[in-house]
Amino acid sequence: MSTYLAEPQKVVVVGVLVHVAKPDVKDLQANAKALSKVCDPDTVMQLVGLYPASGVLPLIVGSAVVVETAA
């Protein structure tokens, strides 16, 4: 945080969206748009979306995650 406050252009924001759903670029676009409003214009941003099948995520992380689906 101190680096960001001192020199925001030297900070890279990396985000990972894990979403048990059909892949949709709009997920990442919405998050990028929201972040761009609060980040310095020189900040580099990279967002990655992972869309595992619904049964795969619990196998990877065990019970550390709750899988929710929209009705």
Foldseek 3Di string as FASTA:
>chain_A
DVCCVVPVLPAEAEEEAEAQDPDDVVVVVVVVVVVCVVGDVNYHYYYYYHHDHPVVVCVVVPPPDDHDDDD
